[in-house]
Protein backbone atom coordinates (compact mmCIF):
# COMPACT_ATOMS: atom_id res chain seq x y z
CA UNK A 1 26.83 11.78 0.23
CA UNK A 2 24.50 12.74 3.03
CA UNK A 3 21.49 14.77 1.85
CA UNK A 4 20.93 18.02 3.71
CA UNK A 5 17.65 19.21 5.14
CA UNK A 6 17.18 21.84 2.43
CA UNK A 7 17.26 19.28 -0.37
CA UNK A 8 14.91 16.99 1.51
CA UNK A 9 12.55 19.89 2.06
CA UNK A 10 12.63 20.61 -1.67
CA UNK A 11 11.49 17.06 -2.52
CA UNK A 12 8.82 17.12 0.20
CA UNK A 13 7.52 20.54 -0.83
CA UNK A 14 7.50 19.54 -4.51
CA UNK A 15 5.21 16.64 -3.67
CA UNK A 16 3.00 18.99 -1.65
CA UNK A 17 2.86 21.48 -4.53
CA UNK A 18 1.83 18.76 -6.98
CA UNK A 19 -1.45 18.46 -5.08
CA UNK A 20 -2.15 22.20 -5.12
CA UNK A 21 -5.30 21.82 -7.22
CA UNK A 22 -6.63 18.79 -5.39
CA UNK A 23 -8.46 18.43 -2.05
CA UNK A 24 -6.37 19.20 1.00
CA UNK A 25 -4.27 16.36 2.39
CA UNK A 26 -3.69 15.80 6.11
CA UNK A 27 -0.49 17.84 5.82
CA UNK A 28 -2.18 21.22 5.44
CA UNK A 29 0.27 24.11 5.08
CA UNK A 30 0.56 25.92 8.43
CA UNK A 31 -0.42 29.26 6.94
CA UNK A 32 -3.81 27.82 6.02
CA UNK A 33 -4.61 26.61 9.49
CA UNK A 34 -6.33 28.71 12.12
CA UNK A 35 -4.12 30.52 14.60
CA UNK A 36 -1.17 32.87 14.24
CA UNK A 37 2.31 32.63 12.76
CA UNK A 38 4.70 34.09 15.29
CA UNK A 39 8.05 35.65 14.41
CA UNK A 40 9.06 37.57 17.49
CA UNK A 41 5.57 38.89 18.23
CA UNK A 42 4.83 37.42 21.65
CA UNK A 43 1.67 39.49 22.06
CA UNK A 44 -0.04 37.48 19.31
CA UNK A 45 1.11 34.19 20.77
CA UNK A 46 -0.53 34.81 24.13
CA UNK A 47 -4.00 35.06 22.63
CA UNK A 48 -4.13 31.94 20.47
CA UNK A 49 -4.43 28.22 21.08
CA UNK A 50 -2.05 27.47 18.20
CA UNK A 51 1.56 28.60 18.00
CA UNK A 52 3.58 28.54 14.77
CA UNK A 53 7.05 29.97 15.18
CA UNK A 54 10.68 29.75 14.12
CA UNK A 55 12.19 30.30 17.53
CA UNK A 56 11.47 27.93 20.47
CA UNK A 57 11.90 30.85 22.86
CA UNK A 58 8.54 32.18 21.64
CA UNK A 59 6.87 29.39 23.59
CA UNK A 60 8.41 30.60 26.84
CA UNK A 61 7.20 34.17 26.24
CA UNK A 62 3.71 32.94 25.59
CA UNK A 63 3.06 31.98 29.18
CA UNK A 64 1.01 29.11 30.53
CA UNK A 65 -2.19 29.57 28.48
CA UNK A 66 -3.55 26.33 26.92
CA UNK A 67 -1.83 25.42 23.66
CA UNK A 68 -3.47 22.88 21.35
CA UNK A 69 -0.87 22.84 18.60
CA UNK A 70 2.82 23.73 18.45
CA UNK A 71 4.66 24.08 15.13
CA UNK A 72 8.35 24.92 14.92
CA UNK A 73 9.74 25.95 11.53
CA UNK A 74 13.30 26.35 10.29
CA UNK A 75 14.84 26.03 13.73
CA UNK A 76 17.47 23.48 14.66
CA UNK A 77 15.56 22.28 17.74
CA UNK A 78 18.65 21.89 19.92
CA UNK A 79 18.40 19.53 22.86
CA UNK A 80 18.18 22.42 25.34
CA UNK A 81 15.27 23.95 23.43
CA UNK A 82 13.33 20.70 23.41
CA UNK A 83 13.90 20.22 27.11
CA UNK A 84 12.55 23.71 27.69
CA UNK A 85 9.50 22.97 25.58
CA UNK A 86 8.80 19.81 27.53
CA UNK A 87 8.29 21.90 30.66
CA UNK A 88 5.80 24.34 29.14
CA UNK A 89 2.75 22.10 29.04
CA UNK A 90 0.86 19.50 27.03
CA UNK A 91 0.24 19.85 23.33
CA UNK A 92 -2.23 17.97 21.20
CA UNK A 93 -0.01 18.41 18.17
CA UNK A 94 3.64 19.17 17.60
CA UNK A 95 5.20 19.96 14.26
CA UNK A 96 8.95 19.82 13.74
CA UNK A 97 9.25 20.77 10.09
CA UNK A 98 12.02 18.63 8.60
CA UNK A 99 14.26 19.14 11.61
CA UNK A 100 17.88 18.11 11.21
CA UNK A 101 19.50 16.02 13.95
CA UNK A 102 16.69 16.75 16.37
CA UNK A 103 16.65 15.09 19.77
CA UNK A 104 13.32 13.39 19.20
CA UNK A 105 13.57 11.44 22.46
CA UNK A 106 12.94 14.65 24.39
CA UNK A 107 9.48 14.86 22.85
CA UNK A 108 8.47 11.80 24.83
CA UNK A 109 7.76 14.08 27.78
CA UNK A 110 5.08 15.85 25.73
CA UNK A 111 1.61 14.33 25.57
CA UNK A 112 1.38 14.75 21.79
CA UNK A 113 -1.00 12.82 19.57
CA UNK A 114 0.37 14.32 16.35
CA UNK A 115 3.96 14.67 15.18
CA UNK A 116 4.39 16.35 11.79
CA UNK A 117 6.92 16.30 9.96
CA UNK A 118 9.92 14.68 11.61
CA UNK A 119 13.06 13.73 9.72
CA UNK A 120 13.95 10.04 9.65
CA UNK A 121 17.17 8.85 11.25
CA UNK A 122 18.73 5.53 12.17
CA UNK A 123 17.43 5.72 15.75
CA UNK A 124 14.01 7.29 15.08
CA UNK A 125 12.27 3.92 15.20
CA UNK A 126 13.63 3.23 18.68
CA UNK A 127 12.30 6.54 19.99
CA UNK A 128 8.91 6.18 18.33
CA UNK A 129 8.31 2.86 20.09
CA UNK A 130 8.07 4.84 23.33
CA UNK A 131 5.60 7.39 21.92
CA UNK A 132 2.65 5.04 21.86
CA UNK A 133 0.12 7.87 22.22
CA UNK A 134 0.76 9.11 18.67
CA UNK A 135 -2.23 8.98 16.32
CA UNK A 136 -0.94 11.11 13.44
CA UNK A 137 2.66 10.76 12.28
CA UNK A 138 4.37 12.18 9.21
CA UNK A 139 7.97 11.21 8.51
CA UNK A 140 10.23 12.67 5.80
CA UNK A 141 13.74 12.08 4.46
CA UNK A 142 13.42 8.30 4.74
CA UNK A 143 16.25 6.27 3.24
CA UNK A 144 16.21 2.58 2.36
CA UNK A 145 18.43 1.82 5.34
CA UNK A 146 15.88 3.30 7.75
CA UNK A 147 12.97 1.13 6.63
CA UNK A 148 13.43 -2.12 8.56
CA UNK A 149 13.59 -0.71 12.10
CA UNK A 150 11.39 2.31 11.40
CA UNK A 151 8.51 0.36 9.88
CA UNK A 152 8.76 -2.35 12.52
CA UNK A 153 8.33 0.34 15.18
CA UNK A 154 5.43 1.96 13.34
CA UNK A 155 3.74 -1.42 13.14
CA UNK A 156 3.62 -1.58 16.93
CA UNK A 157 1.88 1.78 17.47
CA UNK A 158 -1.58 0.85 18.80
CA UNK A 159 -3.39 4.15 18.18
CA UNK A 160 -1.99 5.14 14.79
CA UNK A 161 -4.68 6.76 12.62
CA UNK A 162 -2.80 8.74 9.95
CA UNK A 163 0.66 7.94 8.53
CA UNK A 164 2.76 9.74 5.92
CA UNK A 165 6.03 8.26 4.68
CA UNK A 166 8.20 10.40 2.37
CA UNK A 167 11.45 9.17 0.83
CA UNK A 168 14.57 11.33 0.89
CA UNK A 169 14.36 11.79 -2.89
CA UNK A 170 12.44 10.61 -5.92
CA UNK A 171 14.57 7.52 -6.51
CA UNK A 172 14.96 6.28 -2.92
CA UNK A 173 13.46 2.83 -2.39
CA UNK A 174 10.93 2.36 0.40
CA UNK A 175 10.58 -1.22 1.55
CA UNK A 176 7.05 -1.13 2.92
CA UNK A 177 6.84 -4.91 3.27
CA UNK A 178 7.88 -4.42 6.90
CA UNK A 179 4.84 -2.26 7.65
CA UNK A 180 2.36 -4.59 9.38
CA UNK A 181 0.02 -2.33 11.38
CA UNK A 182 -1.35 -3.61 14.67
CA UNK A 183 -3.52 -0.50 14.96
CA UNK A 184 -7.06 -1.16 13.85
CA UNK A 185 -7.54 2.63 13.68
CA UNK A 186 -5.19 3.33 10.76
CA UNK A 187 -7.33 4.90 8.04
CA UNK A 188 -5.08 7.40 6.27
CA UNK A 189 -1.93 6.32 4.45
CA UNK A 190 0.32 8.48 2.26
CA UNK A 191 3.43 7.01 0.63
CA UNK A 192 5.84 9.12 -1.43
CA UNK A 193 8.74 7.16 -2.84
CA UNK A 194 9.65 4.18 -4.97
CA UNK A 195 8.34 0.83 -3.82
CA UNK A 196 8.80 -2.70 -5.11
CA UNK A 197 6.65 -4.09 -7.91
CA UNK A 198 4.81 -6.14 -5.29
CA UNK A 199 3.53 -3.06 -3.46
CA UNK A 200 -0.08 -4.23 -3.32
CA UNK A 201 1.01 -7.63 -2.00
CA UNK A 202 2.36 -6.06 1.18
CA UNK A 203 0.57 -6.72 4.51
CA UNK A 204 -0.52 -3.10 4.90
CA UNK A 205 -2.71 -3.59 1.81
CA UNK A 206 -3.50 -7.30 1.92
CA UNK A 207 -4.28 -7.54 5.64
CA UNK A 208 -5.18 -3.97 6.58
CA UNK A 209 -6.41 -2.51 3.29
CA UNK A 210 -10.12 -2.81 4.02
CA UNK A 211 -9.74 -0.40 6.95
CA UNK A 212 -8.14 2.33 4.85
CA UNK A 213 -10.35 5.28 3.90
CA UNK A 214 -7.72 7.65 2.51
CA UNK A 215 -4.83 6.55 0.28
CA UNK A 216 -2.31 8.70 -1.61
CA UNK A 217 0.53 7.06 -3.52
CA UNK A 218 3.39 8.81 -5.35
CA UNK A 219 5.99 6.98 -7.48
CA UNK A 220 4.83 3.58 -6.25
CA UNK A 221 4.81 0.46 -8.42
CA UNK A 222 1.28 -0.87 -8.95
CA UNK A 223 1.81 -3.09 -12.00
CA UNK A 224 -0.81 -4.01 -14.61
CA UNK A 225 -4.54 -3.75 -13.85
CA UNK A 226 -3.81 -1.19 -11.15
CA UNK A 227 -7.43 -0.27 -10.38
CA UNK A 228 -8.62 -3.86 -10.37
CA UNK A 229 -5.92 -4.84 -7.89
CA UNK A 230 -6.48 -1.73 -5.78
CA UNK A 231 -10.21 -2.36 -5.61
CA UNK A 232 -9.60 -5.83 -4.18
CA UNK A 233 -7.18 -4.51 -1.54
CA UNK A 234 -8.76 -1.19 -0.55
CA UNK A 235 -12.45 -1.34 -1.54
CA UNK A 236 -13.68 1.06 1.15
CA UNK A 237 -11.68 4.14 0.20
CA UNK A 238 -13.35 7.55 0.17
CA UNK A 239 -10.22 9.30 -1.18
CA UNK A 240 -7.64 7.95 -3.65
CA UNK A 241 -4.72 9.85 -5.19
CA UNK A 242 -2.23 8.34 -7.64
CA UNK A 243 0.73 10.50 -8.68
CA UNK A 244 3.53 9.30 -10.96
CA UNK A 245 2.70 5.68 -10.21
CA UNK A 246 4.24 2.89 -12.28
CA UNK A 247 1.88 0.55 -14.13
CA UNK A 248 4.44 -1.50 -16.06
CA UNK A 249 3.86 0.50 -19.21
CA UNK A 250 0.11 -0.06 -19.32
CA UNK A 251 -1.53 2.49 -21.63
CA UNK A 252 -5.10 1.88 -20.49
CA UNK A 253 -6.52 2.37 -17.01
CA UNK A 254 -9.77 0.54 -16.32
CA UNK A 255 -12.04 1.15 -13.36
CA UNK A 256 -13.93 -2.17 -13.10
CA UNK A 257 -17.71 -2.25 -13.00
CA UNK A 258 -19.15 -1.56 -9.53
CA UNK A 259 -15.71 -0.72 -8.15
CA UNK A 260 -15.01 1.74 -5.33
CA UNK A 261 -18.63 2.23 -4.23
CA UNK A 262 -17.66 4.63 -1.40
CA UNK A 263 -15.05 6.72 -3.22
CA UNK A 264 -15.81 10.45 -3.21
CA UNK A 265 -12.53 11.85 -4.55
CA UNK A 266 -10.21 10.42 -7.21
CA UNK A 267 -6.98 12.16 -8.24
CA UNK A 268 -4.83 10.98 -11.15
CA UNK A 269 -1.64 12.95 -11.82
CA UNK A 270 1.52 12.72 -13.90
CA UNK A 271 0.95 9.38 -15.63
CA UNK A 272 2.36 10.11 -19.08
CA UNK A 273 2.05 6.54 -20.38
CA UNK A 274 -1.77 6.49 -20.03
CA UNK A 275 -3.71 7.30 -23.22
CA UNK A 276 -7.08 5.76 -22.36
CA UNK A 277 -9.27 5.71 -19.26
CA UNK A 278 -12.36 3.51 -18.97
CA UNK A 279 -14.99 3.74 -16.25
CA UNK A 280 -17.05 0.56 -15.91
CA UNK A 281 -20.79 0.39 -15.36
CA UNK A 282 -21.84 1.44 -11.84
CA UNK A 283 -18.25 2.25 -10.85
CA UNK A 284 -17.67 5.27 -8.59
CA UNK A 285 -21.31 5.46 -7.55
CA UNK A 286 -20.60 8.15 -4.92
CA UNK A 287 -17.87 10.12 -6.68
CA UNK A 288 -18.01 13.88 -6.09
CA UNK A 289 -14.59 15.05 -7.25
CA UNK A 290 -12.54 13.75 -10.19
CA UNK A 291 -9.17 15.38 -10.90
CA UNK A 292 -7.21 14.21 -13.96
CA UNK A 293 -4.08 16.33 -14.35
CA UNK A 294 -0.89 16.03 -16.42
CA UNK A 295 -1.77 12.83 -18.26
CA UNK A 296 -0.02 14.21 -21.32
CA UNK A 297 -0.96 11.35 -23.67
CA UNK A 298 -4.64 11.18 -22.80
CA UNK A 299 -6.33 12.19 -26.07
CA UNK A 300 -9.85 10.84 -25.70
CA UNK A 301 -12.61 11.60 -23.22
CA UNK A 302 -12.68 8.98 -20.43
CA UNK A 303 -15.21 6.32 -21.39
CA UNK A 304 -18.25 6.28 -19.11
CA UNK A 305 -17.53 9.63 -17.49
CA UNK A 306 -20.99 10.95 -18.35
CA UNK A 307 -22.53 8.19 -16.24
CA UNK A 308 -21.07 9.67 -13.04
CA UNK A 309 -24.31 11.32 -11.93
CA UNK A 310 -23.03 12.22 -8.44
CA UNK A 311 -20.04 14.14 -9.80
CA UNK A 312 -19.82 17.77 -8.63
CA UNK A 313 -16.23 18.77 -9.42
CA UNK A 314 -14.30 17.76 -12.54
CA UNK A 315 -10.79 18.89 -13.54
CA UNK A 316 -9.19 17.80 -16.82
CA UNK A 317 -5.95 19.76 -17.28
CA UNK A 318 -2.50 19.17 -18.76
CA UNK A 319 -3.74 16.46 -21.14
CA UNK A 320 -2.88 15.79 -24.80
CA UNK A 321 -3.22 18.76 -27.16
CA UNK A 322 -6.05 16.97 -28.97
CA UNK A 323 -8.12 16.37 -25.85
CA UNK A 324 -9.98 19.67 -25.84
CA UNK A 325 -11.03 19.23 -29.49
CA UNK A 326 -12.28 15.73 -28.73
CA UNK A 327 -14.20 17.03 -25.71
CA UNK A 328 -15.91 19.69 -27.78
CA UNK A 329 -16.59 17.32 -30.68
CA UNK A 330 -18.53 15.02 -28.35
CA UNK A 331 -20.38 18.01 -26.88
CA UNK A 332 -19.35 16.94 -23.41
CA UNK A 333 -20.27 20.24 -21.78
CA UNK A 334 -23.89 19.44 -22.51
CA UNK A 335 -23.55 15.93 -21.14
CA UNK A 336 -21.88 17.13 -17.96
CA UNK A 337 -24.31 19.88 -16.96
CA UNK A 338 -24.78 18.28 -13.55
CA UNK A 339 -21.14 19.10 -12.70
CA UNK A 340 -21.08 22.40 -10.82
CA UNK A 341 -17.29 23.00 -11.08
CA UNK A 342 -15.82 22.05 -14.46
CA UNK A 343 -12.26 22.82 -15.60
CA UNK A 344 -11.12 21.60 -19.02
């Protein structure tokens, strides 16, 4: 049965909400960005460089003033509306929030460098091949059948810098083996959906991984020794988020000695099988934010956490019921006085 846009939005928004207490991802909610949200108030639209609206006709009322970002929410984006938009001007960013059956080909007339968040379809890959100017692209509602052509097209985009891939639901398989980026600029990668157990063997990690600075994975298969394998593939990360990842039942996560020397933010969420976390000597030398949330079986204080002298923000929430007692028993508040923002 074909999934509707509302259900896809629910899955996408759930993933966004799961990062509510972590640093902002590239997909910042529109209400948090500068500019105005417009719902029939054309007077506001004329005075801003960013337009967020539900009705494409708002763009026409706005006039010819420069517009840096266009976001369209909860509108069907009919072909006629898109054609009208293409005649208004040039936009640095366009957002079509989970648009159903949109005529994406009409966006080719717009000189956009960002497209967020477009719904996947069987012909999306063909259209994207012609939008070679895109640098930031976020795609939702991806099904297994979309992957081959879609990822082949994404691989050809020469200027791609930031890429988000979100499956249509939590169980949908994403075959990322076909993602072989030719862009040497790709630094941000977000994948939300099930992947094969050989995820880290894929070209995007084996051949391109050293260029990545920002990586967020949800529901991906990483196998045993997840951090050791990640460190070999993506050693230059400054941001890493792992949410509901599969580690083949491993109960212990080990950050190898001297691993991730550039990492500033580490987020671990919803990994119920993990009951022990070890931080090796001289690992995470530059870490500033550590967020460990909803690891419901983590009873003991992460080994080596007190050695993270650069740490400024630490969140330890949703852990085992015994964790807080263990934290207090080891007098960790005294050992972590250098942390300016501490939540336990």
